C-alpha atoms as a PDB file:
ATOM      1  CA  UNK A   1      51.136  20.411  44.252  1.00  0.00           C
ATOM      2  CA  UNK A   2      54.615  21.056  45.510  1.00  0.00           C
ATOM      3  CA  UNK A   3      56.030  24.578  45.352  1.00  0.00           C
ATOM      4  CA  UNK A   4      52.696  26.077  44.398  1.00  0.00           C
ATOM      5  CA  UNK A   5      51.712  29.196  46.229  1.00  0.00           C
ATOM      6  CA  UNK A   6      48.677  31.347  45.694  1.00  0.00           C
ATOM      7  CA  UNK A   7      48.985  35.073  46.422  1.00  0.00           C
ATOM      8  CA  UNK A   8      45.982  37.049  47.481  1.00  0.00           C
ATOM      9  CA  UNK A   9      46.429  40.829  47.760  1.00  0.00           C
ATOM     10  CA  UNK A  10      44.034  43.444  49.181  1.00  0.00           C
ATOM     11  CA  UNK A  11      41.224  41.141  50.262  1.00  0.00           C
ATOM     12  CA  UNK A  12      39.657  41.399  53.795  1.00  0.00           C
ATOM     13  CA  UNK A  13      40.077  38.365  56.018  1.00  0.00           C
ATOM     14  CA  UNK A  14      36.403  37.651  56.176  1.00  0.00           C
ATOM     15  CA  UNK A  15      35.990  37.789  52.430  1.00  0.00           C
ATOM     16  CA  UNK A  16      35.964  34.680  50.297  1.00  0.00           C
ATOM     17  CA  UNK A  17      39.003  34.442  48.060  1.00  0.00           C
ATOM     18  CA  UNK A  18      38.192  34.799  44.380  1.00  0.00           C
ATOM     19  CA  UNK A  19      39.100  32.066  42.007  1.00  0.00           C
ATOM     20  CA  UNK A  20      42.339  32.947  40.302  1.00  0.00           C
ATOM     21  CA  UNK A  21      42.601  33.083  36.575  1.00  0.00           C
ATOM     22  CA  UNK A  22      43.915  29.867  35.100  1.00  0.00           C
ATOM     23  CA  UNK A  23      47.626  29.844  34.773  1.00  0.00           C
ATOM     24  CA  UNK A  24      49.452  27.275  32.737  1.00  0.00           C
ATOM     25  CA  UNK A  25      50.656  24.675  35.139  1.00  0.00           C
ATOM     26  CA  UNK A  26      53.880  24.148  33.372  1.00  0.00           C
ATOM     27  CA  UNK A  27      54.808  27.833  33.628  1.00  0.00           C
ATOM     28  CA  UNK A  28      54.207  27.846  37.375  1.00  0.00           C
ATOM     29  CA  UNK A  29      56.192  24.705  37.874  1.00  0.00           C
ATOM     30  CA  UNK A  30      59.073  26.089  35.904  1.00  0.00           C
ATOM     31  CA  UNK A  31      59.159  29.184  38.102  1.00  0.00           C
ATOM     32  CA  UNK A  32      59.776  27.136  41.217  1.00  0.00           C
ATOM     33  CA  UNK A  33      61.757  24.268  39.825  1.00  0.00           C
ATOM     34  CA  UNK A  34      65.413  24.054  40.745  1.00  0.00           C
ATOM     35  CA  UNK A  35      67.808  25.194  38.049  1.00  0.00           C
ATOM     36  CA  UNK A  36      68.730  22.511  35.523  1.00  0.00           C
ATOM     37  CA  UNK A  37      65.904  20.145  36.422  1.00  0.00           C
ATOM     38  CA  UNK A  38      63.026  19.064  34.176  1.00  0.00           C
ATOM     39  CA  UNK A  39      59.674  19.085  35.886  1.00  0.00           C
ATOM     40  CA  UNK A  40      57.282  16.202  35.403  1.00  0.00           C
ATOM     41  CA  UNK A  41      54.548  16.643  32.836  1.00  0.00           C
ATOM     42  CA  UNK A  42      51.156  16.769  34.501  1.00  0.00           C
ATOM     43  CA  UNK A  43      48.016  15.285  33.076  1.00  0.00           C
ATOM     44  CA  UNK A  44      46.620  17.638  30.486  1.00  0.00           C
ATOM     45  CA  UNK A  45      43.201  19.035  31.328  1.00  0.00           C
ATOM     46  CA  UNK A  46      40.341  18.606  28.894  1.00  0.00           C
ATOM     47  CA  UNK A  47      40.632  22.280  27.903  1.00  0.00           C
ATOM     48  CA  UNK A  48      44.402  22.193  27.342  1.00  0.00           C
ATOM     49  CA  UNK A  49      45.970  23.066  24.004  1.00  0.00           C
ATOM     50  CA  UNK A  50      46.868  20.275  21.560  1.00  0.00           C
ATOM     51  CA  UNK A  51      50.373  18.833  21.919  1.00  0.00           C
ATOM     52  CA  UNK A  52      53.158  20.022  19.707  1.00  0.00           C
ATOM     53  CA  UNK A  53      53.978  18.279  16.433  1.00  0.00           C
ATOM     54  CA  UNK A  54      57.258  16.925  17.811  1.00  0.00           C
ATOM     55  CA  UNK A  55      55.387  15.434  20.757  1.00  0.00           C
ATOM     56  CA  UNK A  56      53.057  13.588  18.377  1.00  0.00           C
ATOM     57  CA  UNK A  57      56.040  12.193  16.559  1.00  0.00           C
ATOM     58  CA  UNK A  58      57.252  10.530  19.734  1.00  0.00           C
ATOM     59  CA  UNK A  59      54.254   8.165  19.746  1.00  0.00           C
ATOM     60  CA  UNK A  60      54.185   5.023  17.594  1.00  0.00           C
ATOM     61  CA  UNK A  61      51.798   5.340  14.641  1.00  0.00           C
ATOM     62  CA  UNK A  62      48.683   3.209  14.728  1.00  0.00           C
ATOM     63  CA  UNK A  63      49.107  -0.176  13.097  1.00  0.00           C
ATOM     64  CA  UNK A  64      48.043  -0.416   9.472  1.00  0.00           C
ATOM     65  CA  UNK A  65      45.323  -2.853   8.542  1.00  0.00           C
ATOM     66  CA  UNK A  66      46.786  -6.283   8.054  1.00  0.00           C
ATOM     67  CA  UNK A  67      46.254  -8.144   4.789  1.00  0.00           C
ATOM     68  CA  UNK A  68      45.353 -11.226   6.784  1.00  0.00           C
ATOM     69  CA  UNK A  69      41.619 -11.725   7.416  1.00  0.00           C
ATOM     70  CA  UNK A  70      40.421 -10.780  10.903  1.00  0.00           C
ATOM     71  CA  UNK A  71      39.276 -13.468  13.256  1.00  0.00           C
ATOM     72  CA  UNK A  72      37.008 -13.430  16.258  1.00  0.00           C
ATOM     73  CA  UNK A  73      40.031 -13.265  18.638  1.00  0.00           C
ATOM     74  CA  UNK A  74      41.182  -9.977  17.055  1.00  0.00           C
ATOM     75  CA  UNK A  75      37.918  -8.217  17.878  1.00  0.00           C
ATOM     76  CA  UNK A  76      38.115  -6.037  21.051  1.00  0.00           C
ATOM     77  CA  UNK A  77      34.754  -7.321  22.219  1.00  0.00           C
ATOM     78  CA  UNK A  78      34.444 -10.752  20.707  1.00  0.00           C
ATOM     79  CA  UNK A  79      30.906 -11.768  19.931  1.00  0.00           C
ATOM     80  CA  UNK A  80      30.579 -15.243  18.431  1.00  0.00           C
ATOM     81  CA  UNK A  81      27.603 -14.259  16.290  1.00  0.00           C
ATOM     82  CA  UNK A  82      29.147 -11.059  14.976  1.00  0.00           C
ATOM     83  CA  UNK A  83      32.540 -12.670  14.643  1.00  0.00           C
ATOM     84  CA  UNK A  84      31.098 -15.318  12.393  1.00  0.00           C
ATOM     85  CA  UNK A  85      29.432 -12.659  10.262  1.00  0.00           C
ATOM     86  CA  UNK A  86      32.657 -10.671  10.075  1.00  0.00           C
ATOM     87  CA  UNK A  87      34.694 -13.683   9.092  1.00  0.00           C
ATOM     88  CA  UNK A  88      32.116 -14.679   6.487  1.00  0.00           C
ATOM     89  CA  UNK A  89      32.182 -11.163   5.010  1.00  0.00           C
ATOM     90  CA  UNK A  90      35.970 -10.878   4.933  1.00  0.00           C
ATOM     91  CA  UNK A  91      37.014 -14.432   4.141  1.00  0.00           C
ATOM     92  CA  UNK A  92      37.082 -15.448   0.450  1.00  0.00           C
ATOM     93  CA  UNK A  93      33.907 -17.023  -0.838  1.00  0.00           C
ATOM     94  CA  UNK A  94      33.818 -20.783  -0.704  1.00  0.00           C
ATOM     95  CA  UNK A  95      31.472 -22.912  -2.871  1.00  0.00           C
ATOM     96  CA  UNK A  96      28.434 -23.819  -0.873  1.00  0.00           C
ATOM     97  CA  UNK A  97      26.327 -26.908  -1.150  1.00  0.00           C
ATOM     98  CA  UNK A  98      23.606 -24.909  -2.907  1.00  0.00           C
ATOM     99  CA  UNK A  99      25.991 -23.484  -5.490  1.00  0.00           C
ATOM    100  CA  UNK A 100      27.335 -26.962  -6.053  1.00  0.00           C
ATOM    101  CA  UNK A 101      23.782 -28.145  -6.570  1.00  0.00           C
ATOM    102  CA  UNK A 102      23.091 -25.381  -9.114  1.00  0.00           C
ATOM    103  CA  UNK A 103      26.318 -26.050 -10.976  1.00  0.00           C
ATOM    104  CA  UNK A 104      25.828 -27.663 -14.431  1.00  0.00           C
ATOM    105  CA  UNK A 105      26.077 -31.396 -14.335  1.00  0.00           C
ATOM    106  CA  UNK A 106      28.741 -32.993 -16.490  1.00  0.00           C
ATOM    107  CA  UNK A 107      27.390 -34.557 -19.671  1.00  0.00           C
ATOM    108  CA  UNK A 108      28.875 -37.984 -20.299  1.00  0.00           C
ATOM    109  CA  UNK A 109      30.183 -38.715 -23.734  1.00  0.00           C
ATOM    110  CA  UNK A 110      27.742 -40.792 -25.729  1.00  0.00           C
ATOM    111  CA  UNK A 111      28.369 -42.387 -29.098  1.00  0.00           C
ATOM    112  CA  UNK A 112      26.425 -40.887 -31.983  1.00  0.00           C
ATOM    113  CA  UNK A 113      24.002 -43.515 -33.259  1.00  0.00           C
ATOM    114  CA  UNK A 114      24.598 -44.639 -36.792  1.00  0.00           C
ATOM    115  CA  UNK A 115      21.995 -43.605 -39.350  1.00  0.00           C
ATOM    116  CA  UNK A 116      20.083 -46.534 -40.718  1.00  0.00           C
ATOM    117  CA  UNK A 117      19.571 -46.034 -44.470  1.00  0.00           C
ATOM    118  CA  UNK A 118      16.397 -48.092 -44.261  1.00  0.00           C
ATOM    119  CA  UNK A 119      14.978 -45.651 -41.695  1.00  0.00           C
ATOM    120  CA  UNK A 120      15.156 -42.614 -43.990  1.00  0.00           C
ATOM    121  CA  UNK A 121      12.221 -40.257 -44.278  1.00  0.00           C
ATOM    122  CA  UNK A 122       9.533 -41.200 -46.773  1.00  0.00           C
ATOM    123  CA  UNK A 123       9.503 -39.321 -50.074  1.00  0.00           C
ATOM    124  CA  UNK A 124       7.195 -36.323 -50.402  1.00  0.00           C
ATOM    125  CA  UNK A 125       3.728 -36.958 -51.810  1.00  0.00           C
ATOM    126  CA  UNK A 126       3.425 -37.121 -55.576  1.00  0.00           C
ATOM    127  CA  UNK A 127       1.513 -34.468 -57.518  1.00  0.00           C
ATOM    128  CA  UNK A 128      -2.080 -35.442 -58.145  1.00  0.00           C
ATOM    129  CA  UNK A 129      -1.594 -36.144 -61.867  1.00  0.00           C
ATOM    130  CA  UNK A 130       1.336 -38.483 -61.218  1.00  0.00           C
ATOM    131  CA  UNK A 131      -0.189 -40.063 -58.111  1.00  0.00           C
ATOM    132  CA  UNK A 132      -3.284 -41.058 -60.119  1.00  0.00           C
ATOM    133  CA  UNK A 133      -1.154 -42.926 -62.659  1.00  0.00           C
ATOM    134  CA  UNK A 134       0.741 -44.852 -59.966  1.00  0.00           C
ATOM    135  CA  UNK A 135      -2.243 -45.556 -57.719  1.00  0.00           C
ATOM    136  CA  UNK A 136      -2.530 -49.300 -57.197  1.00  0.00           C
ATOM    137  CA  UNK A 137       1.145 -50.124 -57.443  1.00  0.00           C
ATOM    138  CA  UNK A 138       1.642 -53.298 -59.464  1.00  0.00           C
ATOM    139  CA  UNK A 139      -1.914 -53.002 -60.800  1.00  0.00           C
ATOM    140  CA  UNK A 140      -1.766 -49.257 -61.454  1.00  0.00           C
ATOM    141  CA  UNK A 141      -2.432 -47.714 -64.842  1.00  0.00           C
ATOM    142  CA  UNK A 142       1.312 -47.204 -65.274  1.00  0.00           C
ATOM    143  CA  UNK A 143       1.988 -50.905 -64.722  1.00  0.00           C
ATOM    144  CA  UNK A 144      -0.822 -52.025 -67.034  1.00  0.00           C
ATOM    145  CA  UNK A 145      -0.073 -49.520 -69.803  1.00  0.00           C
ATOM    146  CA  UNK A 146       3.699 -50.014 -69.890  1.00  0.00           C
ATOM    147  CA  UNK A 147       3.270 -53.750 -69.352  1.00  0.00           C
ATOM    148  CA  UNK A 148       0.992 -53.824 -72.379  1.00  0.00           C
ATOM    149  CA  UNK A 149       3.634 -51.970 -74.412  1.00  0.00           C
ATOM    150  CA  UNK A 150       6.293 -54.422 -73.198  1.00  0.00           C
ATOM    151  CA  UNK A 151       4.144 -57.488 -73.924  1.00  0.00           C
ATOM    152  CA  UNK A 152       4.179 -58.598 -70.272  1.00  0.00           C
ATOM    153  CA  UNK A 153       0.600 -57.507 -69.516  1.00  0.00           C
ATOM    154  CA  UNK A 154      -2.609 -57.310 -71.473  1.00  0.00           C
ATOM    155  CA  UNK A 155      -4.330 -53.893 -71.764  1.00  0.00           C
ATOM    156  CA  UNK A 156      -6.800 -54.917 -69.058  1.00  0.00           C
ATOM    157  CA  UNK A 157      -3.966 -55.918 -66.690  1.00  0.00           C
ATOM    158  CA  UNK A 158      -3.628 -59.673 -66.978  1.00  0.00           C
ATOM    159  CA  UNK A 159      -0.106 -61.089 -66.912  1.00  0.00           C
ATOM    160  CA  UNK A 160       1.444 -62.947 -69.823  1.00  0.00           C
ATOM    161  CA  UNK A 161       4.125 -65.624 -69.694  1.00  0.00           C
ATOM    162  CA  UNK A 162       6.762 -63.010 -70.446  1.00  0.00           C
ATOM    163  CA  UNK A 163       5.910 -61.352 -67.130  1.00  0.00           C
ATOM    164  CA  UNK A 164       7.520 -64.264 -65.268  1.00  0.00           C
ATOM    165  CA  UNK A 165      10.807 -63.979 -67.083  1.00  0.00           C
ATOM    166  CA  UNK A 166      12.296 -63.872 -70.569  1.00  0.00           C
ATOM    167  CA  UNK A 167      15.629 -63.325 -72.220  1.00  0.00           C
ATOM    168  CA  UNK A 168      16.223 -59.936 -73.790  1.00  0.00           C
ATOM    169  CA  UNK A 169      17.210 -60.512 -77.441  1.00  0.00           C
ATOM    170  CA  UNK A 170      19.054 -57.189 -77.468  1.00  0.00           C
ATOM    171  CA  UNK A 171      21.560 -57.634 -74.619  1.00  0.00           C
ATOM    172  CA  UNK A 172      20.686 -61.175 -73.470  1.00  0.00           C
ATOM    173  CA  UNK A 173      19.763 -59.932 -69.973  1.00  0.00           C
ATOM    174  CA  UNK A 174      17.077 -61.722 -67.979  1.00  0.00           C
ATOM    175  CA  UNK A 175      13.897 -59.626 -67.776  1.00  0.00           C
ATOM    176  CA  UNK A 176      11.306 -59.884 -65.007  1.00  0.00           C
ATOM    177  CA  UNK A 177       7.950 -58.306 -64.261  1.00  0.00           C
ATOM    178  CA  UNK A 178       5.645 -55.843 -65.962  1.00  0.00           C
ATOM    179  CA  UNK A 179       8.445 -53.474 -66.988  1.00  0.00           C
ATOM    180  CA  UNK A 180      10.939 -56.094 -68.281  1.00  0.00           C
ATOM    181  CA  UNK A 181      13.204 -55.243 -65.350  1.00  0.00           C
ATOM    182  CA  UNK A 182      16.739 -56.577 -65.871  1.00  0.00           C
ATOM    183  CA  UNK A 183      18.735 -55.230 -62.917  1.00  0.00           C
ATOM    184  CA  UNK A 184      18.298 -58.219 -60.614  1.00  0.00           C
ATOM    185  CA  UNK A 185      15.223 -59.075 -58.535  1.00  0.00           C
ATOM    186  CA  UNK A 186      14.025 -62.067 -56.532  1.00  0.00           C
ATOM    187  CA  UNK A 187      10.638 -62.237 -58.244  1.00  0.00           C
ATOM    188  CA  UNK A 188       8.533 -60.453 -60.870  1.00  0.00           C
ATOM    189  CA  UNK A 189       6.605 -58.693 -58.104  1.00  0.00           C
ATOM    190  CA  UNK A 190       9.852 -57.478 -56.504  1.00  0.00           C
ATOM    191  CA  UNK A 191      11.023 -56.291 -59.912  1.00  0.00           C
ATOM    192  CA  UNK A 192       7.822 -54.269 -60.306  1.00  0.00           C
ATOM    193  CA  UNK A 193       8.283 -52.639 -56.895  1.00  0.00           C
ATOM    194  CA  UNK A 194      11.814 -51.543 -57.745  1.00  0.00           C
ATOM    195  CA  UNK A 195      10.941 -50.235 -61.194  1.00  0.00           C
ATOM    196  CA  UNK A 196       7.844 -48.419 -59.949  1.00  0.00           C
ATOM    197  CA  UNK A 197      10.030 -46.469 -57.523  1.00  0.00           C
ATOM    198  CA  UNK A 198      12.417 -45.615 -60.318  1.00  0.00           C
ATOM    199  CA  UNK A 199       9.627 -44.540 -62.649  1.00  0.00           C
ATOM    200  CA  UNK A 200       8.057 -42.323 -59.995  1.00  0.00           C
ATOM    201  CA  UNK A 201      11.301 -40.381 -59.705  1.00  0.00           C
ATOM    202  CA  UNK A 202      11.557 -40.157 -63.495  1.00  0.00           C
ATOM    203  CA  UNK A 203       7.945 -38.992 -63.753  1.00  0.00           C
ATOM    204  CA  UNK A 204       8.661 -36.202 -61.278  1.00  0.00           C
ATOM    205  CA  UNK A 205      11.724 -35.218 -63.272  1.00  0.00           C
ATOM    206  CA  UNK A 206       9.695 -35.252 -66.472  1.00  0.00           C
ATOM    207  CA  UNK A 207       7.034 -33.040 -64.904  1.00  0.00           C
ATOM    208  CA  UNK A 208       9.658 -30.577 -63.625  1.00  0.00           C
ATOM    209  CA  UNK A 209      11.271 -30.307 -67.050  1.00  0.00           C
ATOM    210  CA  UNK A 210       7.872 -29.698 -68.640  1.00  0.00           C
ATOM    211  CA  UNK A 211       7.167 -26.910 -66.139  1.00  0.00           C
ATOM    212  CA  UNK A 212      10.524 -25.296 -66.911  1.00  0.00           C
ATOM    213  CA  UNK A 213       9.621 -25.262 -70.612  1.00  0.00           C
ATOM    214  CA  UNK A 214       6.125 -23.953 -69.969  1.00  0.00           C
ATOM    215  CA  UNK A 215       4.448 -27.182 -71.097  1.00  0.00           C
ATOM    216  CA  UNK A 216       1.245 -28.492 -69.557  1.00  0.00           C
ATOM    217  CA  UNK A 217       1.174 -32.206 -70.316  1.00  0.00           C
ATOM    218  CA  UNK A 218      -2.028 -34.073 -71.019  1.00  0.00           C
ATOM    219  CA  UNK A 219      -2.774 -37.458 -69.475  1.00  0.00           C
ATOM    220  CA  UNK A 220      -1.629 -39.259 -72.629  1.00  0.00           C
ATOM    221  CA  UNK A 221       1.499 -37.120 -73.086  1.00  0.00           C
ATOM    222  CA  UNK A 222       2.644 -37.758 -69.516  1.00  0.00           C
ATOM    223  CA  UNK A 223       2.001 -41.502 -69.653  1.00  0.00           C
ATOM    224  CA  UNK A 224       3.815 -41.827 -73.005  1.00  0.00           C
ATOM    225  CA  UNK A 225       6.744 -39.919 -71.535  1.00  0.00           C
ATOM    226  CA  UNK A 226       6.914 -42.352 -68.589  1.00  0.00           C
ATOM    227  CA  UNK A 227       6.798 -45.317 -70.975  1.00  0.00           C
ATOM    228  CA  UNK A 228       9.629 -43.775 -72.998  1.00  0.00           C
ATOM    229  CA  UNK A 229      11.639 -43.365 -69.762  1.00  0.00           C
ATOM    230  CA  UNK A 230      11.142 -47.077 -69.060  1.00  0.00           C
ATOM    231  CA  UNK A 231      12.296 -47.975 -72.585  1.00  0.00           C
ATOM    232  CA  UNK A 232      15.129 -45.442 -73.015  1.00  0.00           C
ATOM    233  CA  UNK A 233      15.670 -42.960 -70.112  1.00  0.00           C
ATOM    234  CA  UNK A 234      17.956 -40.644 -72.082  1.00  0.00           C
ATOM    235  CA  UNK A 235      15.412 -40.306 -74.882  1.00  0.00           C
ATOM    236  CA  UNK A 236      12.813 -39.159 -72.368  1.00  0.00           C
ATOM    237  CA  UNK A 237      14.851 -36.979 -70.022  1.00  0.00           C
ATOM    238  CA  UNK A 238      17.903 -35.663 -71.867  1.00  0.00           C
ATOM    239  CA  UNK A 239      16.896 -33.011 -74.435  1.00  0.00           C
ATOM    240  CA  UNK A 240      14.559 -35.461 -76.115  1.00  0.00           C
ATOM    241  CA  UNK A 241      10.844 -36.087 -75.755  1.00  0.00           C
ATOM    242  CA  UNK A 242       9.763 -32.768 -74.203  1.00  0.00           C
ATOM    243  CA  UNK A 243      11.873 -30.645 -76.547  1.00  0.00           C
ATOM    244  CA  UNK A 244      10.415 -32.370 -79.588  1.00  0.00           C
ATOM    245  CA  UNK A 245       6.901 -32.231 -78.120  1.00  0.00           C
ATOM    246  CA  UNK A 246       7.181 -28.458 -77.751  1.00  0.00           C
ATOM    247  CA  UNK A 247       8.406 -28.207 -81.334  1.00  0.00           C
ATOM    248  CA  UNK A 248       5.557 -30.417 -82.542  1.00  0.00           C
ATOM    249  CA  UNK A 249       3.045 -28.046 -80.982  1.00  0.00           C
ATOM    250  CA  UNK A 250       4.782 -25.129 -82.660  1.00  0.00           C
ATOM    251  CA  UNK A 251       4.392 -26.937 -85.980  1.00  0.00           C
ATOM    252  CA  UNK A 252       0.669 -27.362 -85.338  1.00  0.00           C
ATOM    253  CA  UNK A 253       0.732 -31.086 -84.528  1.00  0.00           C
ATOM    254  CA  UNK A 254      -1.719 -32.196 -81.859  1.00  0.00           C
ATOM    255  CA  UNK A 255      -2.619 -35.142 -79.637  1.00  0.00           C
ATOM    256  CA  UNK A 256      -1.507 -38.572 -80.914  1.00  0.00           C
ATOM    257  CA  UNK A 257       0.256 -37.135 -83.957  1.00  0.00           C
ATOM    258  CA  UNK A 258       2.368 -34.808 -81.804  1.00  0.00           C
ATOM    259  CA  UNK A 259       3.167 -37.612 -79.338  1.00  0.00           C
ATOM    260  CA  UNK A 260       4.321 -40.007 -82.073  1.00  0.00           C
ATOM    261  CA  UNK A 261       6.430 -37.349 -83.767  1.00  0.00           C
ATOM    262  CA  UNK A 262       8.104 -36.443 -80.449  1.00  0.00           C
ATOM    263  CA  UNK A 263       8.646 -40.075 -79.400  1.00  0.00           C
ATOM    264  CA  UNK A 264      10.291 -40.962 -82.687  1.00  0.00           C
ATOM    265  CA  UNK A 265      12.659 -37.997 -82.801  1.00  0.00           C
ATOM    266  CA  UNK A 266      13.649 -38.389 -79.164  1.00  0.00           C
ATOM    267  CA  UNK A 267      16.043 -41.135 -80.386  1.00  0.00           C
ATOM    268  CA  UNK A 268      18.116 -38.552 -82.221  1.00  0.00           C
ATOM    269  CA  UNK A 269      21.385 -37.884 -80.398  1.00  0.00           C
ATOM    270  CA  UNK A 270      21.115 -34.193 -79.347  1.00  0.00           C
ATOM    271  CA  UNK A 271      24.863 -33.681 -79.786  1.00  0.00           C
ATOM    272  CA  UNK A 272      25.548 -35.477 -83.058  1.00  0.00           C
ATOM    273  CA  UNK A 273      22.080 -35.277 -84.624  1.00  0.00           C
ATOM    274  CA  UNK A 274      22.337 -38.976 -85.584  1.00  0.00           C
ATOM    275  CA  UNK A 275      19.887 -41.755 -84.768  1.00  0.00           C
ATOM    276  CA  UNK A 276      20.842 -43.669 -81.627  1.00  0.00           C
ATOM    277  CA  UNK A 277      18.631 -46.783 -81.677  1.00  0.00           C
ATOM    278  CA  UNK A 278      20.908 -49.665 -82.687  1.00  0.00           C
ATOM    279  CA  UNK A 279      18.296 -52.259 -81.682  1.00  0.00           C
ATOM    280  CA  UNK A 280      16.039 -50.883 -84.393  1.00  0.00           C
ATOM    281  CA  UNK A 281      18.758 -50.501 -86.984  1.00  0.00           C
ATOM    282  CA  UNK A 282      18.925 -46.715 -86.512  1.00  0.00           C
ATOM    283  CA  UNK A 283      16.170 -46.465 -89.106  1.00  0.00           C
ATOM    284  CA  UNK A 284      13.548 -43.774 -88.800  1.00  0.00           C
ATOM    285  CA  UNK A 285      10.932 -46.108 -90.273  1.00  0.00           C
ATOM    286  CA  UNK A 286      11.645 -48.897 -87.752  1.00  0.00           C
ATOM    287  CA  UNK A 287      11.791 -46.480 -84.865  1.00  0.00           C
ATOM    288  CA  UNK A 288       8.526 -44.846 -85.891  1.00  0.00           C
ATOM    289  CA  UNK A 289       6.733 -48.220 -86.208  1.00  0.00           C
ATOM    290  CA  UNK A 290       7.948 -49.335 -82.784  1.00  0.00           C
ATOM    291  CA  UNK A 291       6.875 -46.087 -81.134  1.00  0.00           C
ATOM    292  CA  UNK A 292       3.475 -46.193 -82.858  1.00  0.00           C
ATOM    293  CA  UNK A 293       2.897 -49.739 -81.564  1.00  0.00           C
ATOM    294  CA  UNK A 294       3.776 -48.772 -77.999  1.00  0.00           C
ATOM    295  CA  UNK A 295       1.621 -45.672 -78.214  1.00  0.00           C
ATOM    296  CA  UNK A 296      -1.355 -47.746 -79.395  1.00  0.00           C
ATOM    297  CA  UNK A 297      -0.905 -50.239 -76.524  1.00  0.00           C
ATOM    298  CA  UNK A 298      -0.906 -47.377 -74.022  1.00  0.00           C
ATOM    299  CA  UNK A 299      -4.014 -45.845 -75.601  1.00  0.00           C
ATOM    300  CA  UNK A 300      -5.833 -49.172 -75.294  1.00  0.00           C
ATOM    301  CA  UNK A 301      -4.869 -49.487 -71.611  1.00  0.00           C
ATOM    302  CA  UNK A 302      -6.151 -45.955 -70.970  1.00  0.00           C
ATOM    303  CA  UNK A 303      -9.433 -46.784 -72.718  1.00  0.00           C
ATOM    304  CA  UNK A 304      -9.887 -49.962 -70.659  1.00  0.00           C
ATOM    305  CA  UNK A 305      -9.094 -48.046 -67.472  1.00  0.00           C
ATOM    306  CA  UNK A 306     -11.767 -45.468 -68.249  1.00  0.00           C
ATOM    307  CA  UNK A 307     -14.351 -48.142 -68.964  1.00  0.00           C
ATOM    308  CA  UNK A 308     -13.476 -50.185 -65.875  1.00  0.00           C
ATOM    309  CA  UNK A 309     -11.951 -48.150 -63.023  1.00  0.00           C
ATOM    310  CA  UNK A 310     -11.369 -51.377 -61.066  1.00  0.00           C
ATOM    311  CA  UNK A 311      -9.008 -52.982 -63.517  1.00  0.00           C
ATOM    312  CA  UNK A 312      -8.875 -56.780 -63.297  1.00  0.00           C
ATOM    313  CA  UNK A 313      -5.921 -58.337 -61.574  1.00  0.00           C
ATOM    314  CA  UNK A 314      -6.439 -61.836 -62.934  1.00  0.00           C
ATOM    315  CA  UNK A 315      -3.187 -63.637 -63.431  1.00  0.00           C
ATOM    316  CA  UNK A 316      -2.526 -65.992 -66.289  1.00  0.00           C
ATOM    317  CA  UNK A 317      -0.671 -69.244 -65.789  1.00  0.00           C
ATOM    318  CA  UNK A 318       2.145 -68.483 -63.371  1.00  0.00           C
ATOM    319  CA  UNK A 319       4.787 -71.172 -63.696  1.00  0.00           C
ATOM    320  CA  UNK A 320       8.018 -70.918 -61.763  1.00  0.00           C
ATOM    321  CA  UNK A 321      10.598 -70.131 -64.413  1.00  0.00           C
ATOM    322  CA  UNK A 322      14.305 -70.015 -63.703  1.00  0.00           C
ATOM    323  CA  UNK A 323      16.575 -68.204 -66.150  1.00  0.00           C
ATOM    324  CA  UNK A 324      17.418 -70.755 -68.863  1.00  0.00           C
ATOM    325  CA  UNK A 325      20.668 -70.887 -70.755  1.00  0.00           C
ATOM    326  CA  UNK A 326      18.876 -70.055 -73.994  1.00  0.00           C
ATOM    327  CA  UNK A 327      15.288 -69.203 -74.692  1.00  0.00           C
ATOM    328  CA  UNK A 328      13.801 -69.350 -78.174  1.00  0.00           C
ATOM    329  CA  UNK A 329      12.407 -66.043 -79.277  1.00  0.00           C
ATOM    330  CA  UNK A 330       9.194 -67.817 -80.273  1.00  0.00           C
ATOM    331  CA  UNK A 331       8.260 -68.056 -76.571  1.00  0.00           C
ATOM    332  CA  UNK A 332       7.836 -64.267 -76.375  1.00  0.00           C
ATOM    333  CA  UNK A 333       4.964 -62.189 -77.638  1.00  0.00           C
ATOM    334  CA  UNK A 334       5.727 -60.469 -80.902  1.00  0.00           C
ATOM    335  CA  UNK A 335       5.521 -57.043 -79.269  1.00  0.00           C
ATOM    336  CA  UNK A 336       8.395 -57.851 -76.928  1.00  0.00           C
ATOM    337  CA  UNK A 337      10.645 -59.005 -79.782  1.00  0.00           C
ATOM    338  CA  UNK A 338      10.317 -55.599 -81.408  1.00  0.00           C
ATOM    339  CA  UNK A 339      10.712 -53.510 -78.271  1.00  0.00           C
ATOM    340  CA  UNK A 340      13.587 -55.067 -76.376  1.00  0.00           C
ATOM    341  CA  UNK A 341      15.964 -54.920 -79.324  1.00  0.00           C
ATOM    342  CA  UNK A 342      16.789 -51.432 -78.100  1.00  0.00           C
ATOM    343  CA  UNK A 343      20.041 -51.331 -76.218  1.00  0.00           C
ATOM    344  CA  UNK A 344      19.053 -48.551 -73.794  1.00  0.00           C
END
C-alpha cells in the first residue's frame, strides 16, 4: 500500500522481524494522507468490526416480497422441475379433471308423475270375524243373508226376479242386485260388488264402535248390524243399534230378543227422540214387525250356511230387464214391499 511504512526498532539484522500487531488500516492511512483528502475505503477483512449504522442506511433495503406469484424465471437457479412445483404451490388452485369428475352431476328437472286413483294401495285385511262373513263375495253369507231380508235372494242363496231389478215403492229408485242397490250400476253383479265394498267399511266402523263401548258382538249381532246398515245406515252407525244393544243387555235381554229390541229402537231420532221411519208410518208396531221379519230371514240364512258350508249358487231365471216406466208392486216378493218403503 502507498505511504505505509513499518518501523522495526532494536532488532539485530540477522533476526527475523516479528509480525506487528494489527493496526486499523484506516488509522494508518489517515496518518499519511494529505490534509483535506479522503482516503479510499479498503476491503474490510473478515475479522473487521461491523459497519456503522449510518453506513448501513446508505444501502438500498432488500426488496419486499411481491404479491405477484413467482415464476421459474425469477428463481436464481431455475430448475424446470422445481419451478413447476413452486408455481403449483404458489398459484391459486384450479379445478382439475379429477375434481370435476367428483363434482355432483346436475339433476335434470323431471315432472312428478300423476297419482292414478285406480292404483291406490289395497285396503288392510279385514278382522277374522268380518272376513268370514264376506268370504265368497257375491255368494258370501252377507250377500245371502241380506239378500234374503231384501227379498232378492233365498236363504240358501238362489236369486229371485227382484235381484235383476225392481222399482223401489218408497222413492221410486231402480234397485239392482242382492242388496237392492239404487246408486247406479251396469248390472246386478256390479251392484253387488259396489255395495259389498261399502258394507265392508260399515262393518269395520260398526266393530270399532262396539270396541269403544266395550261390546263383544256375537255372530248374529254383527250380521244384524250389517243388515241394518244396508237398510238404514244412520240407524246402525249414528247412536243407534249399538247403544240400544248395550242398554238391552243392561235390562237383561239376550240373544234374539235383545237384537230385535235394539233394531227397532235404532229408528228413534237420537236428537228429537221421535220415530224416523216414514216408510213404515213411524209406528213402533210396523217398525218392530219389519225388523222381526228381517231378523228371521237372516237367522234362516245362518242356519242354512251352517248346514251347508258350500252354499248353492244356483241362479233362478235371469231375464234381461231394463228399468220400466212403471212396475206393478205385484211383481215383487212381499218381503221387499215391506222393507223398501223406508226412505233411508
